[in-house]
Amino acid sequence: PVYVVSNLGFYEAEQIKHLLAIVENWC
């Protein structure tokens, strides 16, 4: 099982959705 914790300096966390999709596809 693989999980992700990601952060960014922008206010909206939703901008991280493409990073999460990359990890999910790799899994």
mmCIF file of all heavy atoms, coordinates in Angstrom:
data_MODEL
# 
_entry.id   MODEL 
# 
loop_
_atom_site.group_PDB 
_atom_site.id 
_atom_site.type_symbol 
_atom_site.label_atom_id 
_atom_site.label_alt_id 
_atom_site.label_comp_id 
_atom_site.label_asym_id 
_atom_site.label_entity_id 
_atom_site.label_seq_id 
_atom_site.pdbx_PDB_ins_code 
_atom_site.Cartn_x 
_atom_site.Cartn_y 
_atom_site.Cartn_z 
_atom_site.occupancy 
_atom_site.B_iso_or_equiv 
_atom_site.pdbx_formal_charge 
_atom_site.auth_seq_id 
_atom_site.auth_comp_id 
_atom_site.auth_asym_id 
_atom_site.auth_atom_id 
_atom_site.pdbx_PDB_model_num 
ATOM 1   N N   . PRO A 1 1  ? 0.842  -1.206 0.000   1.00 0.00 ? 1  PRO A N   1 
ATOM 2   C CA  . PRO A 1 1  ? 0.000  0.000  0.000   1.00 0.00 ? 1  PRO A CA  1 
ATOM 3   C C   . PRO A 1 1  ? 0.874  1.251  0.000   1.00 0.00 ? 1  PRO A C   1 
ATOM 4   O O   . PRO A 1 1  ? 1.840  1.338  0.755   1.00 0.00 ? 1  PRO A O   1 
ATOM 5   C CB  . PRO A 1 1  ? -0.808 -0.120 1.292   1.00 0.00 ? 1  PRO A CB  1 
ATOM 6   C CG  . PRO A 1 1  ? 0.012  -0.994 2.181   1.00 0.00 ? 1  PRO A CG  1 
ATOM 7   C CD  . PRO A 1 1  ? 0.775  -1.915 1.280   1.00 0.00 ? 1  PRO A CD  1 
ATOM 8   N N   . VAL A 1 2  ? 0.554  2.209  -0.850  1.00 0.00 ? 2  VAL A N   1 
ATOM 9   C CA  . VAL A 1 2  ? 1.344  3.431  -1.000  1.00 0.00 ? 2  VAL A CA  1 
ATOM 10  C C   . VAL A 1 2  ? 0.472  4.646  -0.732  1.00 0.00 ? 2  VAL A C   1 
ATOM 11  O O   . VAL A 1 2  ? -0.631 4.768  -1.280  1.00 0.00 ? 2  VAL A O   1 
ATOM 12  C CB  . VAL A 1 2  ? 1.947  3.534  -2.419  1.00 0.00 ? 2  VAL A CB  1 
ATOM 13  C CG1 . VAL A 1 2  ? 2.742  4.835  -2.571  1.00 0.00 ? 2  VAL A CG1 1 
ATOM 14  C CG2 . VAL A 1 2  ? 2.840  2.327  -2.712  1.00 0.00 ? 2  VAL A CG2 1 
ATOM 15  N N   . TYR A 1 3  ? 0.975  5.536  0.112   1.00 0.00 ? 3  TYR A N   1 
ATOM 16  C CA  . TYR A 1 3  ? 0.260  6.762  0.478   1.00 0.00 ? 3  TYR A CA  1 
ATOM 17  C C   . TYR A 1 3  ? 1.157  7.968  0.158   1.00 0.00 ? 3  TYR A C   1 
ATOM 18  O O   . TYR A 1 3  ? 2.363  7.827  -0.008  1.00 0.00 ? 3  TYR A O   1 
ATOM 19  C CB  . TYR A 1 3  ? -0.106 6.750  1.965   1.00 0.00 ? 3  TYR A CB  1 
ATOM 20  C CG  . TYR A 1 3  ? -0.914 5.549  2.382   1.00 0.00 ? 3  TYR A CG  1 
ATOM 21  C CD1 . TYR A 1 3  ? -0.286 4.354  2.749   1.00 0.00 ? 3  TYR A CD1 1 
ATOM 22  C CD2 . TYR A 1 3  ? -2.297 5.601  2.412   1.00 0.00 ? 3  TYR A CD2 1 
ATOM 23  C CE1 . TYR A 1 3  ? -1.032 3.237  3.117   1.00 0.00 ? 3  TYR A CE1 1 
ATOM 24  C CE2 . TYR A 1 3  ? -3.057 4.493  2.786   1.00 0.00 ? 3  TYR A CE2 1 
ATOM 25  C CZ  . TYR A 1 3  ? -2.417 3.317  3.135   1.00 0.00 ? 3  TYR A CZ  1 
ATOM 26  O OH  . TYR A 1 3  ? -3.155 2.213  3.499   1.00 0.00 ? 3  TYR A OH  1 
ATOM 27  N N   . VAL A 1 4  ? 0.542  9.143  0.098   1.00 0.00 ? 4  VAL A N   1 
ATOM 28  C CA  . VAL A 1 4  ? 1.298  10.353 -0.226  1.00 0.00 ? 4  VAL A CA  1 
ATOM 29  C C   . VAL A 1 4  ? 0.933  11.477 0.732   1.00 0.00 ? 4  VAL A C   1 
ATOM 30  O O   . VAL A 1 4  ? -0.239 11.644 1.088   1.00 0.00 ? 4  VAL A O   1 
ATOM 31  C CB  . VAL A 1 4  ? 1.012  10.831 -1.668  1.00 0.00 ? 4  VAL A CB  1 
ATOM 32  C CG1 . VAL A 1 4  ? 1.802  12.107 -1.985  1.00 0.00 ? 4  VAL A CG1 1 
ATOM 33  C CG2 . VAL A 1 4  ? 1.342  9.742  -2.681  1.00 0.00 ? 4  VAL A CG2 1 
ATOM 34  N N   . VAL A 1 5  ? 1.943  12.228 1.146   1.00 0.00 ? 5  VAL A N   1 
ATOM 35  C CA  . VAL A 1 5  ? 1.745  13.506 1.834   1.00 0.00 ? 5  VAL A CA  1 
ATOM 36  C C   . VAL A 1 5  ? 2.432  14.554 0.973   1.00 0.00 ? 5  VAL A C   1 
ATOM 37  O O   . VAL A 1 5  ? 3.646  14.479 0.755   1.00 0.00 ? 5  VAL A O   1 
ATOM 38  C CB  . VAL A 1 5  ? 2.371  13.525 3.245   1.00 0.00 ? 5  VAL A CB  1 
ATOM 39  C CG1 . VAL A 1 5  ? 2.192  14.913 3.875   1.00 0.00 ? 5  VAL A CG1 1 
ATOM 40  C CG2 . VAL A 1 5  ? 1.739  12.478 4.131   1.00 0.00 ? 5  VAL A CG2 1 
ATOM 41  N N   . SER A 1 6  ? 1.670  15.507 0.450   1.00 0.00 ? 6  SER A N   1 
ATOM 42  C CA  . SER A 1 6  ? 2.264  16.525 -0.410  1.00 0.00 ? 6  SER A CA  1 
ATOM 43  C C   . SER A 1 6  ? 1.809  17.908 0.036   1.00 0.00 ? 6  SER A C   1 
ATOM 44  O O   . SER A 1 6  ? 0.691  18.078 0.535   1.00 0.00 ? 6  SER A O   1 
ATOM 45  C CB  . SER A 1 6  ? 1.872  16.288 -1.871  1.00 0.00 ? 6  SER A CB  1 
ATOM 46  O OG  . SER A 1 6  ? 2.518  17.219 -2.722  1.00 0.00 ? 6  SER A OG  1 
ATOM 47  N N   . ASN A 1 7  ? 2.690  18.874 -0.145  1.00 0.00 ? 7  ASN A N   1 
ATOM 48  C CA  . ASN A 1 7  ? 2.367  20.243 0.239   1.00 0.00 ? 7  ASN A CA  1 
ATOM 49  C C   . ASN A 1 7  ? 2.858  21.209 -0.826  1.00 0.00 ? 7  ASN A C   1 
ATOM 50  O O   . ASN A 1 7  ? 3.689  20.862 -1.672  1.00 0.00 ? 7  ASN A O   1 
ATOM 51  C CB  . ASN A 1 7  ? 2.989  20.573 1.603   1.00 0.00 ? 7  ASN A CB  1 
ATOM 52  C CG  . ASN A 1 7  ? 4.489  20.741 1.526   1.00 0.00 ? 7  ASN A CG  1 
ATOM 53  O OD1 . ASN A 1 7  ? 5.008  21.851 1.383   1.00 0.00 ? 7  ASN A OD1 1 
ATOM 54  N ND2 . ASN A 1 7  ? 5.235  19.633 1.614   1.00 0.00 ? 7  ASN A ND2 1 
ATOM 55  N N   . LEU A 1 8  ? 2.313  22.414 -0.783  1.00 0.00 ? 8  LEU A N   1 
ATOM 56  C CA  . LEU A 1 8  ? 2.754  23.455 -1.712  1.00 0.00 ? 8  LEU A CA  1 
ATOM 57  C C   . LEU A 1 8  ? 2.577  24.813 -1.060  1.00 0.00 ? 8  LEU A C   1 
ATOM 58  O O   . LEU A 1 8  ? 1.892  24.947 -0.044  1.00 0.00 ? 8  LEU A O   1 
ATOM 59  C CB  . LEU A 1 8  ? 1.962  23.397 -3.026  1.00 0.00 ? 8  LEU A CB  1 
ATOM 60  C CG  . LEU A 1 8  ? 0.544  23.968 -3.055  1.00 0.00 ? 8  LEU A CG  1 
ATOM 61  C CD1 . LEU A 1 8  ? 0.074  24.116 -4.500  1.00 0.00 ? 8  LEU A CD1 1 
ATOM 62  C CD2 . LEU A 1 8  ? -0.426 23.130 -2.279  1.00 0.00 ? 8  LEU A CD2 1 
ATOM 63  N N   . GLY A 1 9  ? 3.212  25.806 -1.641  1.00 0.00 ? 9  GLY A N   1 
ATOM 64  C CA  . GLY A 1 9  ? 3.131  27.147 -1.082  1.00 0.00 ? 9  GLY A CA  1 
ATOM 65  C C   . GLY A 1 9  ? 1.870  27.885 -1.459  1.00 0.00 ? 9  GLY A C   1 
ATOM 66  O O   . GLY A 1 9  ? 1.473  28.832 -0.783  1.00 0.00 ? 9  GLY A O   1 
ATOM 67  N N   . PHE A 1 10 ? 1.202  27.469 -2.543  1.00 0.00 ? 10 PHE A N   1 
ATOM 68  C CA  . PHE A 1 10 ? -0.051 28.100 -2.918  1.00 0.00 ? 10 PHE A CA  1 
ATOM 69  C C   . PHE A 1 10 ? -1.138 27.776 -1.902  1.00 0.00 ? 10 PHE A C   1 
ATOM 70  O O   . PHE A 1 10 ? -1.062 26.784 -1.175  1.00 0.00 ? 10 PHE A O   1 
ATOM 71  C CB  . PHE A 1 10 ? -0.490 27.650 -4.312  1.00 0.00 ? 10 PHE A CB  1 
ATOM 72  C CG  . PHE A 1 10 ? 0.384  28.157 -5.423  1.00 0.00 ? 10 PHE A CG  1 
ATOM 73  C CD1 . PHE A 1 10 ? 1.148  27.276 -6.168  1.00 0.00 ? 10 PHE A CD1 1 
ATOM 74  C CD2 . PHE A 1 10 ? 0.459  29.513 -5.707  1.00 0.00 ? 10 PHE A CD2 1 
ATOM 75  C CE1 . PHE A 1 10 ? 1.968  27.733 -7.192  1.00 0.00 ? 10 PHE A CE1 1 
ATOM 76  C CE2 . PHE A 1 10 ? 1.275  29.982 -6.719  1.00 0.00 ? 10 PHE A CE2 1 
ATOM 77  C CZ  . PHE A 1 10 ? 2.027  29.088 -7.466  1.00 0.00 ? 10 PHE A CZ  1 
ATOM 78  N N   . TYR A 1 11 ? -2.170 28.583 -1.904  1.00 0.00 ? 11 TYR A N   1 
ATOM 79  C CA  . TYR A 1 11 ? -3.228 28.445 -0.907  1.00 0.00 ? 11 TYR A CA  1 
ATOM 80  C C   . TYR A 1 11 ? -4.083 27.201 -1.145  1.00 0.00 ? 11 TYR A C   1 
ATOM 81  O O   . TYR A 1 11 ? -4.469 26.508 -0.215  1.00 0.00 ? 11 TYR A O   1 
ATOM 82  C CB  . TYR A 1 11 ? -4.104 29.701 -0.947  1.00 0.00 ? 11 TYR A CB  1 
ATOM 83  C CG  . TYR A 1 11 ? -5.162 29.784 0.131   1.00 0.00 ? 11 TYR A CG  1 
ATOM 84  C CD1 . TYR A 1 11 ? -4.831 30.207 1.420   1.00 0.00 ? 11 TYR A CD1 1 
ATOM 85  C CD2 . TYR A 1 11 ? -6.485 29.450 -0.140  1.00 0.00 ? 11 TYR A CD2 1 
ATOM 86  C CE1 . TYR A 1 11 ? -5.794 30.295 2.407   1.00 0.00 ? 11 TYR A CE1 1 
ATOM 87  C CE2 . TYR A 1 11 ? -7.463 29.534 0.845   1.00 0.00 ? 11 TYR A CE2 1 
ATOM 88  C CZ  . TYR A 1 11 ? -7.113 29.960 2.112   1.00 0.00 ? 11 TYR A CZ  1 
ATOM 89  O OH  . TYR A 1 11 ? -8.070 30.050 3.093   1.00 0.00 ? 11 TYR A OH  1 
ATOM 90  N N   . GLU A 1 12 ? -4.386 26.912 -2.417  1.00 0.00 ? 12 GLU A N   1 
ATOM 91  C CA  . GLU A 1 12 ? -5.340 25.855 -2.749  1.00 0.00 ? 12 GLU A CA  1 
ATOM 92  C C   . GLU A 1 12 ? -4.650 24.495 -2.849  1.00 0.00 ? 12 GLU A C   1 
ATOM 93  O O   . GLU A 1 12 ? -3.845 24.261 -3.750  1.00 0.00 ? 12 GLU A O   1 
ATOM 94  C CB  . GLU A 1 12 ? -6.043 26.175 -4.077  1.00 0.00 ? 12 GLU A CB  1 
ATOM 95  C CG  . GLU A 1 12 ? -6.807 27.484 -4.078  1.00 0.00 ? 12 GLU A CG  1 
ATOM 96  C CD  . GLU A 1 12 ? -5.936 28.694 -4.385  1.00 0.00 ? 12 GLU A CD  1 
ATOM 97  O OE1 . GLU A 1 12 ? -4.715 28.501 -4.630  1.00 0.00 ? 12 GLU A OE1 1 
ATOM 98  O OE2 . GLU A 1 12 ? -6.449 29.812 -4.382  1.00 0.00 ? 12 GLU A OE2 1 
ATOM 99  N N   . ALA A 1 13 ? -5.023 23.582 -1.956  1.00 0.00 ? 13 ALA A N   1 
ATOM 100 C CA  . ALA A 1 13 ? -4.431 22.239 -1.955  1.00 0.00 ? 13 ALA A CA  1 
ATOM 101 C C   . ALA A 1 13 ? -4.810 21.451 -3.200  1.00 0.00 ? 13 ALA A C   1 
ATOM 102 O O   . ALA A 1 13 ? -4.097 20.526 -3.595  1.00 0.00 ? 13 ALA A O   1 
ATOM 103 C CB  . ALA A 1 13 ? -4.880 21.480 -0.703  1.00 0.00 ? 13 ALA A CB  1 
ATOM 104 N N   . GLU A 1 14 ? -5.921 21.807 -3.845  1.00 0.00 ? 14 GLU A N   1 
ATOM 105 C CA  . GLU A 1 14 ? -6.390 21.065 -5.012  1.00 0.00 ? 14 GLU A CA  1 
ATOM 106 C C   . GLU A 1 14 ? -5.383 21.074 -6.160  1.00 0.00 ? 14 GLU A C   1 
ATOM 107 O O   . GLU A 1 14 ? -5.455 20.224 -7.057  1.00 0.00 ? 14 GLU A O   1 
ATOM 108 C CB  . GLU A 1 14 ? -7.729 21.623 -5.496  1.00 0.00 ? 14 GLU A CB  1 
ATOM 109 C CG  . GLU A 1 14 ? -8.915 21.284 -4.613  1.00 0.00 ? 14 GLU A CG  1 
ATOM 110 C CD  . GLU A 1 14 ? -8.980 22.148 -3.350  1.00 0.00 ? 14 GLU A CD  1 
ATOM 111 O OE1 . GLU A 1 14 ? -8.202 23.131 -3.273  1.00 0.00 ? 14 GLU A OE1 1 
ATOM 112 O OE2 . GLU A 1 14 ? -9.784 21.843 -2.465  1.00 0.00 ? 14 GLU A OE2 1 
ATOM 113 N N   . GLN A 1 15 ? -4.454 22.015 -6.152  1.00 0.00 ? 15 GLN A N   1 
ATOM 114 C CA  . GLN A 1 15 ? -3.452 22.058 -7.215  1.00 0.00 ? 15 GLN A CA  1 
ATOM 115 C C   . GLN A 1 15 ? -2.523 20.840 -7.179  1.00 0.00 ? 15 GLN A C   1 
ATOM 116 O O   . GLN A 1 15 ? -1.787 20.590 -8.137  1.00 0.00 ? 15 GLN A O   1 
ATOM 117 C CB  . GLN A 1 15 ? -2.630 23.345 -7.112  1.00 0.00 ? 15 GLN A CB  1 
ATOM 118 C CG  . GLN A 1 15 ? -3.447 24.601 -7.388  1.00 0.00 ? 15 GLN A CG  1 
ATOM 119 C CD  . GLN A 1 15 ? -2.565 25.819 -7.593  1.00 0.00 ? 15 GLN A CD  1 
ATOM 120 O OE1 . GLN A 1 15 ? -1.622 25.785 -8.355  1.00 0.00 ? 15 GLN A OE1 1 
ATOM 121 N NE2 . GLN A 1 15 ? -2.892 26.898 -6.908  1.00 0.00 ? 15 GLN A NE2 1 
ATOM 122 N N   . ILE A 1 16 ? -2.580 20.076 -6.106  1.00 0.00 ? 16 ILE A N   1 
ATOM 123 C CA  . ILE A 1 16 ? -1.715 18.899 -5.967  1.00 0.00 ? 16 ILE A CA  1 
ATOM 124 C C   . ILE A 1 16 ? -2.308 17.670 -6.671  1.00 0.00 ? 16 ILE A C   1 
ATOM 125 O O   . ILE A 1 16 ? -1.664 16.629 -6.775  1.00 0.00 ? 16 ILE A O   1 
ATOM 126 C CB  . ILE A 1 16 ? -1.465 18.608 -4.464  1.00 0.00 ? 16 ILE A CB  1 
ATOM 127 C CG1 . ILE A 1 16 ? -0.709 19.785 -3.825  1.00 0.00 ? 16 ILE A CG1 1 
ATOM 128 C CG2 . ILE A 1 16 ? -0.666 17.341 -4.238  1.00 0.00 ? 16 ILE A CG2 1 
ATOM 129 C CD1 . ILE A 1 16 ? -0.509 19.664 -2.315  1.00 0.00 ? 16 ILE A CD1 1 
ATOM 130 N N   . LYS A 1 17 ? -3.509 17.779 -7.208  1.00 0.00 ? 17 LYS A N   1 
ATOM 131 C CA  . LYS A 1 17 ? -4.216 16.603 -7.732  1.00 0.00 ? 17 LYS A CA  1 
ATOM 132 C C   . LYS A 1 17 ? -3.437 15.883 -8.837  1.00 0.00 ? 17 LYS A C   1 
ATOM 133 O O   . LYS A 1 17 ? -3.503 14.649 -8.955  1.00 0.00 ? 17 LYS A O   1 
ATOM 134 C CB  . LYS A 1 17 ? -5.602 16.982 -8.235  1.00 0.00 ? 17 LYS A CB  1 
ATOM 135 C CG  . LYS A 1 17 ? -5.622 17.927 -9.420  1.00 0.00 ? 17 LYS A CG  1 
ATOM 136 C CD  . LYS A 1 17 ? -7.051 18.269 -9.820  1.00 0.00 ? 17 LYS A CD  1 
ATOM 137 C CE  . LYS A 1 17 ? -7.081 19.207 -11.024 1.00 0.00 ? 17 LYS A CE  1 
ATOM 138 N NZ  . LYS A 1 17 ? -8.478 19.547 -11.404 1.00 0.00 ? 17 LYS A NZ  1 
ATOM 139 N N   . HIS A 1 18 ? -2.678 16.617 -9.657  1.00 0.00 ? 18 HIS A N   1 
ATOM 140 C CA  . HIS A 1 18 ? -1.937 15.960 -10.741 1.00 0.00 ? 18 HIS A CA  1 
ATOM 141 C C   . HIS A 1 18 ? -0.765 15.144 -10.188 1.00 0.00 ? 18 HIS A C   1 
ATOM 142 O O   . HIS A 1 18 ? -0.465 14.054 -10.701 1.00 0.00 ? 18 HIS A O   1 
ATOM 143 C CB  . HIS A 1 18 ? -1.430 17.002 -11.732 1.00 0.00 ? 18 HIS A CB  1 
ATOM 144 C CG  . HIS A 1 18 ? -2.528 17.787 -12.376 1.00 0.00 ? 18 HIS A CG  1 
ATOM 145 N ND1 . HIS A 1 18 ? -3.503 17.206 -13.158 1.00 0.00 ? 18 HIS A ND1 1 
ATOM 146 C CD2 . HIS A 1 18 ? -2.833 19.117 -12.333 1.00 0.00 ? 18 HIS A CD2 1 
ATOM 147 C CE1 . HIS A 1 18 ? -4.339 18.122 -13.593 1.00 0.00 ? 18 HIS A CE1 1 
ATOM 148 N NE2 . HIS A 1 18 ? -3.967 19.292 -13.094 1.00 0.00 ? 18 HIS A NE2 1 
ATOM 149 N N   . LEU A 1 19 ? -0.116 15.643 -9.147  1.00 0.00 ? 19 LEU A N   1 
ATOM 150 C CA  . LEU A 1 19 ? 0.948  14.872 -8.494  1.00 0.00 ? 19 LEU A CA  1 
ATOM 151 C C   . LEU A 1 19 ? 0.388  13.553 -7.951  1.00 0.00 ? 19 LEU A C   1 
ATOM 152 O O   . LEU A 1 19 ? 1.001  12.494 -8.112  1.00 0.00 ? 19 LEU A O   1 
ATOM 153 C CB  . LEU A 1 19 ? 1.576  15.702 -7.376  1.00 0.00 ? 19 LEU A CB  1 
ATOM 154 C CG  . LEU A 1 19 ? 2.748  15.087 -6.593  1.00 0.00 ? 19 LEU A CG  1 
ATOM 155 C CD1 . LEU A 1 19 ? 3.618  16.195 -5.986  1.00 0.00 ? 19 LEU A CD1 1 
ATOM 156 C CD2 . LEU A 1 19 ? 2.280  14.162 -5.470  1.00 0.00 ? 19 LEU A CD2 1 
ATOM 157 N N   . LEU A 1 20 ? -0.755 13.623 -7.322  1.00 0.00 ? 20 LEU A N   1 
ATOM 158 C CA  . LEU A 1 20 ? -1.362 12.411 -6.761  1.00 0.00 ? 20 LEU A CA  1 
ATOM 159 C C   . LEU A 1 20 ? -1.739 11.425 -7.861  1.00 0.00 ? 20 LEU A C   1 
ATOM 160 O O   . LEU A 1 20 ? -1.595 10.207 -7.692  1.00 0.00 ? 20 LEU A O   1 
ATOM 161 C CB  . LEU A 1 20 ? -2.594 12.776 -5.927  1.00 0.00 ? 20 LEU A CB  1 
ATOM 162 C CG  . LEU A 1 20 ? -2.366 13.801 -4.795  1.00 0.00 ? 20 LEU A CG  1 
ATOM 163 C CD1 . LEU A 1 20 ? -3.639 13.964 -3.973  1.00 0.00 ? 20 LEU A CD1 1 
ATOM 164 C CD2 . LEU A 1 20 ? -1.197 13.392 -3.910  1.00 0.00 ? 20 LEU A CD2 1 
ATOM 165 N N   . ALA A 1 21 ? -2.205 11.947 -8.984  1.00 0.00 ? 21 ALA A N   1 
ATOM 166 C CA  . ALA A 1 21 ? -2.557 11.074 -10.112 1.00 0.00 ? 21 ALA A CA  1 
ATOM 167 C C   . ALA A 1 21 ? -1.320 10.371 -10.663 1.00 0.00 ? 21 ALA A C   1 
ATOM 168 O O   . ALA A 1 21 ? -1.385 9.195  -11.068 1.00 0.00 ? 21 ALA A O   1 
ATOM 169 C CB  . ALA A 1 21 ? -3.235 11.893 -11.209 1.00 0.00 ? 21 ALA A CB  1 
ATOM 170 N N   . ILE A 1 22 ? -0.189 11.076 -10.676 1.00 0.00 ? 22 ILE A N   1 
ATOM 171 C CA  . ILE A 1 22 ? 1.061  10.469 -11.142 1.00 0.00 ? 22 ILE A CA  1 
ATOM 172 C C   . ILE A 1 22 ? 1.432  9.273  -10.264 1.00 0.00 ? 22 ILE A C   1 
ATOM 173 O O   . ILE A 1 22 ? 1.775  8.193  -10.763 1.00 0.00 ? 22 ILE A O   1 
ATOM 174 C CB  . ILE A 1 22 ? 2.204  11.511 -11.131 1.00 0.00 ? 22 ILE A CB  1 
ATOM 175 C CG1 . ILE A 1 22 ? 1.985  12.543 -12.238 1.00 0.00 ? 22 ILE A CG1 1 
ATOM 176 C CG2 . ILE A 1 22 ? 3.570  10.825 -11.299 1.00 0.00 ? 22 ILE A CG2 1 
ATOM 177 C CD1 . ILE A 1 22 ? 2.911  13.741 -12.143 1.00 0.00 ? 22 ILE A CD1 1 
ATOM 178 N N   . VAL A 1 23 ? 1.350  9.454  -8.951  1.00 0.00 ? 23 VAL A N   1 
ATOM 179 C CA  . VAL A 1 23 ? 1.690  8.361  -8.030  1.00 0.00 ? 23 VAL A CA  1 
ATOM 180 C C   . VAL A 1 23 ? 0.691  7.207  -8.162  1.00 0.00 ? 23 VAL A C   1 
ATOM 181 O O   . VAL A 1 23 ? 1.078  6.029  -8.167  1.00 0.00 ? 23 VAL A O   1 
ATOM 182 C CB  . VAL A 1 23 ? 1.742  8.858  -6.576  1.00 0.00 ? 23 VAL A CB  1 
ATOM 183 C CG1 . VAL A 1 23 ? 2.009  7.687  -5.623  1.00 0.00 ? 23 VAL A CG1 1 
ATOM 184 C CG2 . VAL A 1 23 ? 2.825  9.924  -6.407  1.00 0.00 ? 23 VAL A CG2 1 
ATOM 185 N N   . GLU A 1 24 ? -0.585 7.536  -8.293  1.00 0.00 ? 24 GLU A N   1 
ATOM 186 C CA  . GLU A 1 24 ? -1.597 6.476  -8.431  1.00 0.00 ? 24 GLU A CA  1 
ATOM 187 C C   . GLU A 1 24 ? -1.357 5.657  -9.696  1.00 0.00 ? 24 GLU A C   1 
ATOM 188 O O   . GLU A 1 24 ? -1.451 4.417  -9.683  1.00 0.00 ? 24 GLU A O   1 
ATOM 189 C CB  . GLU A 1 24 ? -2.995 7.079  -8.442  1.00 0.00 ? 24 GLU A CB  1 
ATOM 190 C CG  . GLU A 1 24 ? -4.094 6.036  -8.493  1.00 0.00 ? 24 GLU A CG  1 
ATOM 191 C CD  . GLU A 1 24 ? -5.490 6.586  -8.300  1.00 0.00 ? 24 GLU A CD  1 
ATOM 192 O OE1 . GLU A 1 24 ? -5.640 7.838  -8.272  1.00 0.00 ? 24 GLU A OE1 1 
ATOM 193 O OE2 . GLU A 1 24 ? -6.438 5.790  -8.177  1.00 0.00 ? 24 GLU A OE2 1 
ATOM 194 N N   . ASN A 1 25 ? -1.042 6.320  -10.801 1.00 0.00 ? 25 ASN A N   1 
ATOM 195 C CA  . ASN A 1 25 ? -0.775 5.594  -12.048 1.00 0.00 ? 25 ASN A CA  1 
ATOM 196 C C   . ASN A 1 25 ? 0.485  4.741  -11.932 1.00 0.00 ? 25 ASN A C   1 
ATOM 197 O O   . ASN A 1 25 ? 0.543  3.615  -12.453 1.00 0.00 ? 25 ASN A O   1 
ATOM 198 C CB  . ASN A 1 25 ? -0.621 6.589  -13.209 1.00 0.00 ? 25 ASN A CB  1 
ATOM 199 C CG  . ASN A 1 25 ? -1.938 7.231  -13.590 1.00 0.00 ? 25 ASN A CG  1 
ATOM 200 O OD1 . ASN A 1 25 ? -3.004 6.658  -13.374 1.00 0.00 ? 25 ASN A OD1 1 
ATOM 201 N ND2 . ASN A 1 25 ? -1.881 8.429  -14.154 1.00 0.00 ? 25 ASN A ND2 1 
ATOM 202 N N   . TRP A 1 26 ? 1.493  5.260  -11.236 1.00 0.00 ? 26 TRP A N   1 
ATOM 203 C CA  . TRP A 1 26 ? 2.707  4.477  -11.018 1.00 0.00 ? 26 TRP A CA  1 
ATOM 204 C C   . TRP A 1 26 ? 2.398  3.228  -10.192 1.00 0.00 ? 26 TRP A C   1 
ATOM 205 O O   . TRP A 1 26 ? 2.922  2.144  -10.482 1.00 0.00 ? 26 TRP A O   1 
ATOM 206 C CB  . TRP A 1 26 ? 3.756  5.342  -10.319 1.00 0.00 ? 26 TRP A CB  1 
ATOM 207 C CG  . TRP A 1 26 ? 4.995  4.610  -9.911  1.00 0.00 ? 26 TRP A CG  1 
ATOM 208 C CD1 . TRP A 1 26 ? 6.038  4.240  -10.707 1.00 0.00 ? 26 TRP A CD1 1 
ATOM 209 C CD2 . TRP A 1 26 ? 5.335  4.144  -8.594  1.00 0.00 ? 26 TRP A CD2 1 
ATOM 210 N NE1 . TRP A 1 26 ? 7.002  3.586  -9.974  1.00 0.00 ? 26 TRP A NE1 1 
ATOM 211 C CE2 . TRP A 1 26 ? 6.595  3.507  -8.672  1.00 0.00 ? 26 TRP A CE2 1 
ATOM 212 C CE3 . TRP A 1 26 ? 4.689  4.227  -7.360  1.00 0.00 ? 26 TRP A CE3 1 
ATOM 213 C CZ2 . TRP A 1 26 ? 7.213  2.952  -7.557  1.00 0.00 ? 26 TRP A CZ2 1 
ATOM 214 C CZ3 . TRP A 1 26 ? 5.307  3.667  -6.242  1.00 0.00 ? 26 TRP A CZ3 1 
ATOM 215 C CH2 . TRP A 1 26 ? 6.564  3.043  -6.350  1.00 0.00 ? 26 TRP A CH2 1 
ATOM 216 N N   . CYS A 1 27 ? 1.563  3.372  -9.186  1.00 0.00 ? 27 CYS A N   1 
ATOM 217 C CA  . CYS A 1 27 ? 1.185  2.222  -8.351  1.00 0.00 ? 27 CYS A CA  1 
ATOM 218 C C   . CYS A 1 27 ? 0.527  1.119  -9.191  1.00 0.00 ? 27 CYS A C   1 
ATOM 219 O O   . CYS A 1 27 ? 0.810  -0.071 -9.027  1.00 0.00 ? 27 CYS A O   1 
ATOM 220 C CB  . CYS A 1 27 ? 0.230  2.661  -7.240  1.00 0.00 ? 27 CYS A CB  1 
ATOM 221 S SG  . CYS A 1 27 ? 1.006  3.585  -5.893  1.00 0.00 ? 27 CYS A SG  1 
# 
